[in-house]
Amino acid sequence: MLPFGISTEEDSEDRKPLKKIPETNAIFENVNKVNHQSDEDPETLRISIDAKAKVDIGEFSERMENPRVGEPEEALDHDMNPEIKMVPFGIF
């Protein structure tokens, strides 16, 4: 491992995933089985959904459009207690 948390290619090969639940292998075996079955069936359309980390929505300081024009806008200093949380995702 290099200083400041920088890793080399050799370091990354030795590391294991940080979060792996006991069911991970069974889940991927099932996914591979179902994918193979869908590949063989011409009537099946495979859809993939990719979700990202939750995004806080609210009046946060980094969301000001143009802070140097006109009156200063009131914004929260931190992103605590967001108005809502959303999960961005895509369907392929």
PDB file of N, CA and C in Angstrom:
ATOM      1  N   MET A   1       0.850  -1.181   0.000  1.00  0.00           N
ATOM      2  CA  MET A   1       0.000   0.000   0.000  1.00  0.00           C
ATOM      3  C   MET A   1       0.889   1.236   0.000  1.00  0.00           C
ATOM      4  N   LEU A   2       0.599   2.158  -0.873  1.00  0.00           N
ATOM      5  CA  LEU A   2       1.332   3.409  -0.951  1.00  0.00           C
ATOM      6  C   LEU A   2       0.774   4.398   0.074  1.00  0.00           C
ATOM      7  N   PRO A   3       1.489   5.498   0.346  1.00  0.00           N
ATOM      8  CA  PRO A   3       0.988   6.480   1.313  1.00  0.00           C
ATOM      9  C   PRO A   3      -0.343   7.089   0.872  1.00  0.00           C
ATOM     10  N   PHE A   4      -1.063   7.655   1.810  1.00  0.00           N
ATOM     11  CA  PHE A   4      -2.311   8.375   1.577  1.00  0.00           C
ATOM     12  C   PHE A   4      -3.415   7.487   1.005  1.00  0.00           C
ATOM     13  N   GLY A   5      -3.386   6.198   1.294  1.00  0.00           N
ATOM     14  CA  GLY A   5      -4.462   5.312   0.862  1.00  0.00           C
ATOM     15  C   GLY A   5      -4.436   4.946  -0.608  1.00  0.00           C
ATOM     16  N   ILE A   6      -3.360   5.271  -1.310  1.00  0.00           N
ATOM     17  CA  ILE A   6      -3.265   4.916  -2.723  1.00  0.00           C
ATOM     18  C   ILE A   6      -2.781   3.478  -2.808  1.00  0.00           C
ATOM     19  N   SER A   7      -3.457   2.677  -3.609  1.00  0.00           N
ATOM     20  CA  SER A   7      -3.065   1.277  -3.706  1.00  0.00           C
ATOM     21  C   SER A   7      -2.501   0.980  -5.086  1.00  0.00           C
ATOM     22  N   THR A   8      -1.676  -0.030  -5.133  1.00  0.00           N
ATOM     23  CA  THR A   8      -1.119  -0.478  -6.401  1.00  0.00           C
ATOM     24  C   THR A   8      -1.975  -1.607  -6.942  1.00  0.00           C
ATOM     25  N   GLU A   9      -1.722  -2.017  -8.172  1.00  0.00           N
ATOM     26  CA  GLU A   9      -2.486  -3.112  -8.776  1.00  0.00           C
ATOM     27  C   GLU A   9      -2.332  -4.387  -7.961  1.00  0.00           C
ATOM     28  N   GLU A  10      -1.135  -4.632  -7.433  1.00  0.00           N
ATOM     29  CA  GLU A  10      -0.908  -5.830  -6.628  1.00  0.00           C
ATOM     30  C   GLU A  10      -1.752  -5.793  -5.360  1.00  0.00           C
ATOM     31  N   ASP A  11      -1.861  -4.598  -4.739  1.00  0.00           N
ATOM     32  CA  ASP A  11      -2.667  -4.469  -3.527  1.00  0.00           C
ATOM     33  C   ASP A  11      -4.121  -4.823  -3.798  1.00  0.00           C
ATOM     34  N   SER A  12      -4.663  -4.348  -4.919  1.00  0.00           N
ATOM     35  CA  SER A  12      -6.079  -4.558  -5.198  1.00  0.00           C
ATOM     36  C   SER A  12      -6.392  -6.027  -5.452  1.00  0.00           C
ATOM     37  N   GLU A  13      -5.441  -6.795  -5.958  1.00  0.00           N
ATOM     38  CA  GLU A  13      -5.676  -8.221  -6.197  1.00  0.00           C
ATOM     39  C   GLU A  13      -5.780  -8.994  -4.888  1.00  0.00           C
ATOM     40  N   ASP A  14      -5.091  -8.523  -3.841  1.00  0.00           N
ATOM     41  CA  ASP A  14      -5.085  -9.227  -2.563  1.00  0.00           C
ATOM     42  C   ASP A  14      -6.304  -8.907  -1.708  1.00  0.00           C
ATOM     43  N   ARG A  15      -6.973  -7.793  -1.993  1.00  0.00           N
ATOM     44  CA  ARG A  15      -8.098  -7.374  -1.159  1.00  0.00           C
ATOM     45  C   ARG A  15      -9.376  -8.099  -1.544  1.00  0.00           C
ATOM     46  N   LYS A  16     -10.213  -8.346  -0.550  1.00  0.00           N
ATOM     47  CA  LYS A  16     -11.509  -8.972  -0.767  1.00  0.00           C
ATOM     48  C   LYS A  16     -12.582  -7.888  -0.717  1.00  0.00           C
ATOM     49  N   PRO A  17     -13.769  -8.153  -1.265  1.00  0.00           N
ATOM     50  CA  PRO A  17     -14.845  -7.165  -1.171  1.00  0.00           C
ATOM     51  C   PRO A  17     -15.143  -6.829   0.288  1.00  0.00           C
ATOM     52  N   LEU A  18     -15.480  -5.571   0.536  1.00  0.00           N
ATOM     53  CA  LEU A  18     -15.744  -5.142   1.901  1.00  0.00           C
ATOM     54  C   LEU A  18     -17.036  -5.730   2.449  1.00  0.00           C
ATOM     55  N   LYS A  19     -18.081  -5.792   1.626  1.00  0.00           N
ATOM     56  CA  LYS A  19     -19.367  -6.293   2.094  1.00  0.00           C
ATOM     57  C   LYS A  19     -19.757  -7.510   1.264  1.00  0.00           C
ATOM     58  N   LYS A  20     -19.796  -8.653   1.889  1.00  0.00           N
ATOM     59  CA  LYS A  20     -20.242  -9.860   1.208  1.00  0.00           C
ATOM     60  C   LYS A  20     -21.070 -10.654   2.203  1.00  0.00           C
ATOM     61  N   ILE A  21     -22.336 -10.818   1.871  1.00  0.00           N
ATOM     62  CA  ILE A  21     -23.211 -11.567   2.758  1.00  0.00           C
ATOM     63  C   ILE A  21     -23.069 -13.050   2.460  1.00  0.00           C
ATOM     64  N   PRO A  22     -23.428 -13.916   3.385  1.00  0.00           N
ATOM     65  CA  PRO A  22     -23.281 -15.360   3.161  1.00  0.00           C
ATOM     66  C   PRO A  22     -24.041 -15.862   1.934  1.00  0.00           C
ATOM     67  N   GLU A  23     -25.135 -15.198   1.570  1.00  0.00           N
ATOM     68  CA  GLU A  23     -25.956 -15.650   0.450  1.00  0.00           C
ATOM     69  C   GLU A  23     -25.450 -15.175  -0.908  1.00  0.00           C
ATOM     70  N   THR A  24     -24.350 -14.415  -0.962  1.00  0.00           N
ATOM     71  CA  THR A  24     -23.887 -13.820  -2.215  1.00  0.00           C
ATOM     72  C   THR A  24     -23.685 -14.857  -3.313  1.00  0.00           C
ATOM     73  N   ASN A  25     -22.978 -15.941  -3.021  1.00  0.00           N
ATOM     74  CA  ASN A  25     -22.720 -16.948  -4.056  1.00  0.00           C
ATOM     75  C   ASN A  25     -24.013 -17.563  -4.568  1.00  0.00           C
ATOM     76  N   ALA A  26     -24.945 -17.872  -3.668  1.00  0.00           N
ATOM     77  CA  ALA A  26     -26.223 -18.458  -4.078  1.00  0.00           C
ATOM     78  C   ALA A  26     -27.016 -17.477  -4.939  1.00  0.00           C
ATOM     79  N   ILE A  27     -26.978 -16.204  -4.599  1.00  0.00           N
ATOM     80  CA  ILE A  27     -27.687 -15.189  -5.381  1.00  0.00           C
ATOM     81  C   ILE A  27     -27.152 -15.160  -6.802  1.00  0.00           C
ATOM     82  N   PHE A  28     -25.829 -15.115  -6.964  1.00  0.00           N
ATOM     83  CA  PHE A  28     -25.251 -15.035  -8.301  1.00  0.00           C
ATOM     84  C   PHE A  28     -25.422 -16.334  -9.079  1.00  0.00           C
ATOM     85  N   GLU A  29     -25.419 -17.473  -8.408  1.00  0.00           N
ATOM     86  CA  GLU A  29     -25.711 -18.731  -9.096  1.00  0.00           C
ATOM     87  C   GLU A  29     -27.123 -18.698  -9.665  1.00  0.00           C
ATOM     88  N   ASN A  30     -28.075 -18.192  -8.880  1.00  0.00           N
ATOM     89  CA  ASN A  30     -29.455 -18.092  -9.348  1.00  0.00           C
ATOM     90  C   ASN A  30     -29.577 -17.097 -10.506  1.00  0.00           C
ATOM     91  N   VAL A  31     -28.899 -15.951 -10.407  1.00  0.00           N
ATOM     92  CA  VAL A  31     -28.926 -14.957 -11.482  1.00  0.00           C
ATOM     93  C   VAL A  31     -28.379 -15.558 -12.769  1.00  0.00           C
ATOM     94  N   ASN A  32     -27.264 -16.271 -12.682  1.00  0.00           N
ATOM     95  CA  ASN A  32     -26.683 -16.894 -13.877  1.00  0.00           C
ATOM     96  C   ASN A  32     -27.619 -17.934 -14.477  1.00  0.00           C
ATOM     97  N   LYS A  33     -28.284 -18.717 -13.627  1.00  0.00           N
ATOM     98  CA  LYS A  33     -29.230 -19.730 -14.099  1.00  0.00           C
ATOM     99  C   LYS A  33     -30.398 -19.072 -14.841  1.00  0.00           C
ATOM    100  N   VAL A  34     -30.983 -18.041 -14.225  1.00  0.00           N
ATOM    101  CA  VAL A  34     -32.123 -17.356 -14.839  1.00  0.00           C
ATOM    102  C   VAL A  34     -31.701 -16.646 -16.123  1.00  0.00           C
ATOM    103  N   ASN A  35     -30.515 -16.034 -16.135  1.00  0.00           N
ATOM    104  CA  ASN A  35     -30.027 -15.385 -17.354  1.00  0.00           C
ATOM    105  C   ASN A  35     -29.877 -16.388 -18.487  1.00  0.00           C
ATOM    106  N   HIS A  36     -29.337 -17.559 -18.188  1.00  0.00           N
ATOM    107  CA  HIS A  36     -29.173 -18.598 -19.210  1.00  0.00           C
ATOM    108  C   HIS A  36     -30.537 -19.036 -19.747  1.00  0.00           C
ATOM    109  N   GLN A  37     -31.504 -19.217 -18.836  1.00  0.00           N
ATOM    110  CA  GLN A  37     -32.851 -19.608 -19.261  1.00  0.00           C
ATOM    111  C   GLN A  37     -33.472 -18.537 -20.157  1.00  0.00           C
ATOM    112  N   SER A  38     -33.295 -17.265 -19.805  1.00  0.00           N
ATOM    113  CA  SER A  38     -33.877 -16.199 -20.621  1.00  0.00           C
ATOM    114  C   SER A  38     -33.185 -16.084 -21.973  1.00  0.00           C
ATOM    115  N   ASP A  39     -31.885 -16.374 -22.027  1.00  0.00           N
ATOM    116  CA  ASP A  39     -31.171 -16.362 -23.307  1.00  0.00           C
ATOM    117  C   ASP A  39     -31.717 -17.424 -24.254  1.00  0.00           C
ATOM    118  N   GLU A  40     -32.154 -18.551 -23.714  1.00  0.00           N
ATOM    119  CA  GLU A  40     -32.656 -19.659 -24.523  1.00  0.00           C
ATOM    120  C   GLU A  40     -34.105 -19.457 -24.970  1.00  0.00           C
ATOM    121  N   ASP A  41     -34.843 -18.574 -24.311  1.00  0.00           N
ATOM    122  CA  ASP A  41     -36.265 -18.375 -24.609  1.00  0.00           C
ATOM    123  C   ASP A  41     -36.451 -17.125 -25.469  1.00  0.00           C
ATOM    124  N   PRO A  42     -36.876 -17.284 -26.741  1.00  0.00           N
ATOM    125  CA  PRO A  42     -37.039 -16.116 -27.617  1.00  0.00           C
ATOM    126  C   PRO A  42     -38.190 -15.195 -27.185  1.00  0.00           C
ATOM    127  N   GLU A  43     -39.069 -15.662 -26.317  1.00  0.00           N
ATOM    128  CA  GLU A  43     -40.204 -14.861 -25.851  1.00  0.00           C
ATOM    129  C   GLU A  43     -39.858 -14.016 -24.622  1.00  0.00           C
ATOM    130  N   THR A  44     -38.637 -14.131 -24.125  1.00  0.00           N
ATOM    131  CA  THR A  44     -38.245 -13.429 -22.905  1.00  0.00           C
ATOM    132  C   THR A  44     -37.436 -12.186 -23.239  1.00  0.00           C
ATOM    133  N   LEU A  45     -37.788 -11.082 -22.604  1.00  0.00           N
ATOM    134  CA  LEU A  45     -37.044  -9.835 -22.718  1.00  0.00           C
ATOM    135  C   LEU A  45     -36.368  -9.572 -21.377  1.00  0.00           C
ATOM    136  N   ARG A  46     -35.057  -9.446 -21.384  1.00  0.00           N
ATOM    137  CA  ARG A  46     -34.331  -9.202 -20.141  1.00  0.00           C
ATOM    138  C   ARG A  46     -34.216  -7.702 -19.904  1.00  0.00           C
ATOM    139  N   ILE A  47     -34.554  -7.271 -18.700  1.00  0.00           N
ATOM    140  CA  ILE A  47     -34.462  -5.865 -18.301  1.00  0.00           C
ATOM    141  C   ILE A  47     -33.480  -5.774 -17.142  1.00  0.00           C
ATOM    142  N   SER A  48     -32.607  -4.781 -17.200  1.00  0.00           N
ATOM    143  CA  SER A  48     -31.636  -4.570 -16.136  1.00  0.00           C
ATOM    144  C   SER A  48     -31.915  -3.227 -15.474  1.00  0.00           C
ATOM    145  N   ILE A  49     -31.932  -3.209 -14.148  1.00  0.00           N
ATOM    146  CA  ILE A  49     -32.124  -1.973 -13.392  1.00  0.00           C
ATOM    147  C   ILE A  49     -30.866  -1.724 -12.567  1.00  0.00           C
ATOM    148  N   ASP A  50     -30.329  -0.518 -12.693  1.00  0.00           N
ATOM    149  CA  ASP A  50     -29.128  -0.131 -11.958  1.00  0.00           C
ATOM    150  C   ASP A  50     -29.483   1.026 -11.031  1.00  0.00           C
ATOM    151  N   ALA A  51     -29.405   0.811  -9.729  1.00  0.00           N
ATOM    152  CA  ALA A  51     -29.714   1.860  -8.755  1.00  0.00           C
ATOM    153  C   ALA A  51     -28.418   2.407  -8.162  1.00  0.00           C
ATOM    154  N   LYS A  52     -28.436   3.669  -7.837  1.00  0.00           N
ATOM    155  CA  LYS A  52     -27.278   4.340  -7.246  1.00  0.00           C
ATOM    156  C   LYS A  52     -27.567   4.683  -5.786  1.00  0.00           C
ATOM    157  N   ALA A  53     -26.595   5.286  -5.133  1.00  0.00           N
ATOM    158  CA  ALA A  53     -26.760   5.684  -3.733  1.00  0.00           C
ATOM    159  C   ALA A  53     -27.833   6.761  -3.615  1.00  0.00           C
ATOM    160  N   LYS A  54     -28.471   6.822  -2.453  1.00  0.00           N
ATOM    161  CA  LYS A  54     -29.515   7.821  -2.213  1.00  0.00           C
ATOM    162  C   LYS A  54     -28.935   9.230  -2.308  1.00  0.00           C
ATOM    163  N   VAL A  55     -29.756  10.149  -2.814  1.00  0.00           N
ATOM    164  CA  VAL A  55     -29.366  11.547  -2.948  1.00  0.00           C
ATOM    165  C   VAL A  55     -30.289  12.383  -2.075  1.00  0.00           C
ATOM    166  N   ASP A  56     -29.699  13.241  -1.229  1.00  0.00           N
ATOM    167  CA  ASP A  56     -30.492  14.142  -0.396  1.00  0.00           C
ATOM    168  C   ASP A  56     -30.973  15.317  -1.240  1.00  0.00           C
ATOM    169  N   ILE A  57     -32.251  15.674  -1.092  1.00  0.00           N
ATOM    170  CA  ILE A  57     -32.828  16.800  -1.815  1.00  0.00           C
ATOM    171  C   ILE A  57     -33.233  17.858  -0.791  1.00  0.00           C
ATOM    172  N   GLY A  58     -32.774  19.093  -0.988  1.00  0.00           N
ATOM    173  CA  GLY A  58     -33.117  20.171  -0.065  1.00  0.00           C
ATOM    174  C   GLY A  58     -32.380  21.447  -0.426  1.00  0.00           C
ATOM    175  N   GLU A  59     -32.546  22.461   0.384  1.00  0.00           N
ATOM    176  CA  GLU A  59     -31.912  23.768   0.160  1.00  0.00           C
ATOM    177  C   GLU A  59     -30.498  23.753   0.740  1.00  0.00           C
ATOM    178  N   PHE A  60     -29.581  23.086   0.055  1.00  0.00           N
ATOM    179  CA  PHE A  60     -28.205  22.991   0.526  1.00  0.00           C
ATOM    180  C   PHE A  60     -27.348  24.015  -0.196  1.00  0.00           C
ATOM    181  N   SER A  61     -26.255  24.446   0.443  1.00  0.00           N
ATOM    182  CA  SER A  61     -25.434  25.526  -0.098  1.00  0.00           C
ATOM    183  C   SER A  61     -24.875  25.216  -1.479  1.00  0.00           C
ATOM    184  N   GLU A  62     -24.528  23.974  -1.781  1.00  0.00           N
ATOM    185  CA  GLU A  62     -23.940  23.670  -3.075  1.00  0.00           C
ATOM    186  C   GLU A  62     -24.964  23.679  -4.200  1.00  0.00           C
ATOM    187  N   ARG A  63     -26.237  23.813  -3.888  1.00  0.00           N
ATOM    188  CA  ARG A  63     -27.274  23.805  -4.910  1.00  0.00           C
ATOM    189  C   ARG A  63     -27.669  25.225  -5.357  1.00  0.00           C
ATOM    190  N   MET A  64     -27.000  26.267  -4.846  1.00  0.00           N
ATOM    191  CA  MET A  64     -27.323  27.634  -5.266  1.00  0.00           C
ATOM    192  C   MET A  64     -26.892  27.810  -6.717  1.00  0.00           C
ATOM    193  N   GLU A  65     -27.766  28.397  -7.538  1.00  0.00           N
ATOM    194  CA  GLU A  65     -27.461  28.517  -8.962  1.00  0.00           C
ATOM    195  C   GLU A  65     -26.383  29.555  -9.247  1.00  0.00           C
ATOM    196  N   ASN A  66     -26.528  30.774  -8.722  1.00  0.00           N
ATOM    197  CA  ASN A  66     -25.542  31.815  -8.980  1.00  0.00           C
ATOM    198  C   ASN A  66     -25.369  32.657  -7.717  1.00  0.00           C
ATOM    199  N   PRO A  67     -24.472  32.257  -6.819  1.00  0.00           N
ATOM    200  CA  PRO A  67     -24.354  32.927  -5.520  1.00  0.00           C
ATOM    201  C   PRO A  67     -23.793  34.345  -5.587  1.00  0.00           C
ATOM    202  N   ARG A  68     -23.223  34.789  -6.702  1.00  0.00           N
ATOM    203  CA  ARG A  68     -22.595  36.108  -6.776  1.00  0.00           C
ATOM    204  C   ARG A  68     -23.526  37.183  -7.359  1.00  0.00           C
ATOM    205  N   VAL A  69     -24.735  36.829  -7.717  1.00  0.00           N
ATOM    206  CA  VAL A  69     -25.647  37.790  -8.330  1.00  0.00           C
ATOM    207  C   VAL A  69     -26.821  38.041  -7.391  1.00  0.00           C
ATOM    208  N   GLY A  70     -27.166  39.311  -7.173  1.00  0.00           N
ATOM    209  CA  GLY A  70     -28.339  39.657  -6.374  1.00  0.00           C
ATOM    210  C   GLY A  70     -28.138  39.398  -4.892  1.00  0.00           C
ATOM    211  N   GLU A  71     -29.260  39.253  -4.199  1.00  0.00           N
ATOM    212  CA  GLU A  71     -29.242  39.014  -2.762  1.00  0.00           C
ATOM    213  C   GLU A  71     -28.766  37.597  -2.459  1.00  0.00           C
ATOM    214  N   PRO A  72     -28.051  37.437  -1.343  1.00  0.00           N
ATOM    215  CA  PRO A  72     -27.622  36.080  -0.984  1.00  0.00           C
ATOM    216  C   PRO A  72     -28.841  35.201  -0.697  1.00  0.00           C
ATOM    217  N   GLU A  73     -28.753  33.963  -1.111  1.00  0.00           N
ATOM    218  CA  GLU A  73     -29.822  33.013  -0.850  1.00  0.00           C
ATOM    219  C   GLU A  73     -29.550  32.311   0.467  1.00  0.00           C
ATOM    220  N   GLU A  74     -30.594  32.042   1.217  1.00  0.00           N
ATOM    221  CA  GLU A  74     -30.440  31.324   2.471  1.00  0.00           C
ATOM    222  C   GLU A  74     -30.329  29.837   2.156  1.00  0.00           C
ATOM    223  N   ALA A  75     -29.318  29.219   2.703  1.00  0.00           N
ATOM    224  CA  ALA A  75     -29.107  27.792   2.462  1.00  0.00           C
ATOM    225  C   ALA A  75     -28.644  27.140   3.754  1.00  0.00           C
ATOM    226  N   LEU A  76     -28.834  25.861   3.844  1.00  0.00           N
ATOM    227  CA  LEU A  76     -28.362  25.117   5.002  1.00  0.00           C
ATOM    228  C   LEU A  76     -26.864  24.898   4.876  1.00  0.00           C
ATOM    229  N   ASP A  77     -26.158  24.953   5.998  1.00  0.00           N
ATOM    230  CA  ASP A  77     -24.716  24.735   5.969  1.00  0.00           C
ATOM    231  C   ASP A  77     -24.366  23.279   5.734  1.00  0.00           C
ATOM    232  N   HIS A  78     -25.222  22.391   6.182  1.00  0.00           N
ATOM    233  CA  HIS A  78     -24.954  20.964   6.065  1.00  0.00           C
ATOM    234  C   HIS A  78     -26.173  20.281   5.468  1.00  0.00           C
ATOM    235  N   ASP A  79     -25.982  19.097   4.978  1.00  0.00           N
ATOM    236  CA  ASP A  79     -27.101  18.390   4.359  1.00  0.00           C
ATOM    237  C   ASP A  79     -27.827  17.486   5.357  1.00  0.00           C
ATOM    238  N   MET A  80     -28.024  17.994   6.573  1.00  0.00           N
ATOM    239  CA  MET A  80     -28.771  17.242   7.575  1.00  0.00           C
ATOM    240  C   MET A  80     -30.260  17.505   7.387  1.00  0.00           C
ATOM    241  N   ASN A  81     -31.072  16.522   7.683  1.00  0.00           N
ATOM    242  CA  ASN A  81     -32.523  16.628   7.573  1.00  0.00           C
ATOM    243  C   ASN A  81     -32.973  17.080   6.184  1.00  0.00           C
ATOM    244  N   PRO A  82     -32.650  16.323   5.163  1.00  0.00           N
ATOM    245  CA  PRO A  82     -33.085  16.709   3.818  1.00  0.00           C
ATOM    246  C   PRO A  82     -34.607  16.659   3.713  1.00  0.00           C
ATOM    247  N   GLU A  83     -35.145  17.430   2.761  1.00  0.00           N
ATOM    248  CA  GLU A  83     -36.586  17.419   2.536  1.00  0.00           C
ATOM    249  C   GLU A  83     -37.042  16.018   2.121  1.00  0.00           C
ATOM    250  N   ILE A  84     -36.319  15.424   1.198  1.00  0.00           N
ATOM    251  CA  ILE A  84     -36.607  14.055   0.756  1.00  0.00           C
ATOM    252  C   ILE A  84     -35.301  13.383   0.363  1.00  0.00           C
ATOM    253  N   LYS A  85     -35.338  12.066   0.225  1.00  0.00           N
ATOM    254  CA  LYS A  85     -34.206  11.305  -0.300  1.00  0.00           C
ATOM    255  C   LYS A  85     -34.703  10.561  -1.528  1.00  0.00           C
ATOM    256  N   MET A  86     -33.916  10.592  -2.587  1.00  0.00           N
ATOM    257  CA  MET A  86     -34.293   9.909  -3.815  1.00  0.00           C
ATOM    258  C   MET A  86     -33.204   8.919  -4.197  1.00  0.00           C
ATOM    259  N   VAL A  87     -33.591   7.860  -4.896  1.00  0.00           N
ATOM    260  CA  VAL A  87     -32.648   6.865  -5.383  1.00  0.00           C
ATOM    261  C   VAL A  87     -32.636   6.939  -6.906  1.00  0.00           C
ATOM    262  N   PRO A  88     -31.554   7.501  -7.493  1.00  0.00           N
ATOM    263  CA  PRO A  88     -31.483   7.528  -8.953  1.00  0.00           C
ATOM    264  C   PRO A  88     -31.286   6.114  -9.494  1.00  0.00           C
ATOM    265  N   PHE A  89     -31.942   5.815 -10.605  1.00  0.00           N
ATOM    266  CA  PHE A  89     -31.781   4.494 -11.203  1.00  0.00           C
ATOM    267  C   PHE A  89     -31.988   4.581 -12.704  1.00  0.00           C
ATOM    268  N   GLY A  90     -31.522   3.569 -13.391  1.00  0.00           N
ATOM    269  CA  GLY A  90     -31.713   3.476 -14.832  1.00  0.00           C
ATOM    270  C   GLY A  90     -32.236   2.105 -15.196  1.00  0.00           C
ATOM    271  N   ILE A  91     -33.041   2.053 -16.233  1.00  0.00           N
ATOM    272  CA  ILE A  91     -33.570   0.780 -16.733  1.00  0.00           C
ATOM    273  C   ILE A  91     -33.016   0.582 -18.130  1.00  0.00           C
ATOM    274  N   PHE A  92     -32.429  -0.581 -18.359  1.00  0.00           N
ATOM    275  CA  PHE A  92     -31.835  -0.890 -19.657  1.00  0.00           C
ATOM    276  C   PHE A  92     -32.587  -2.027 -20.315  1.00  0.00           C
TER     277      PHE A  92
END
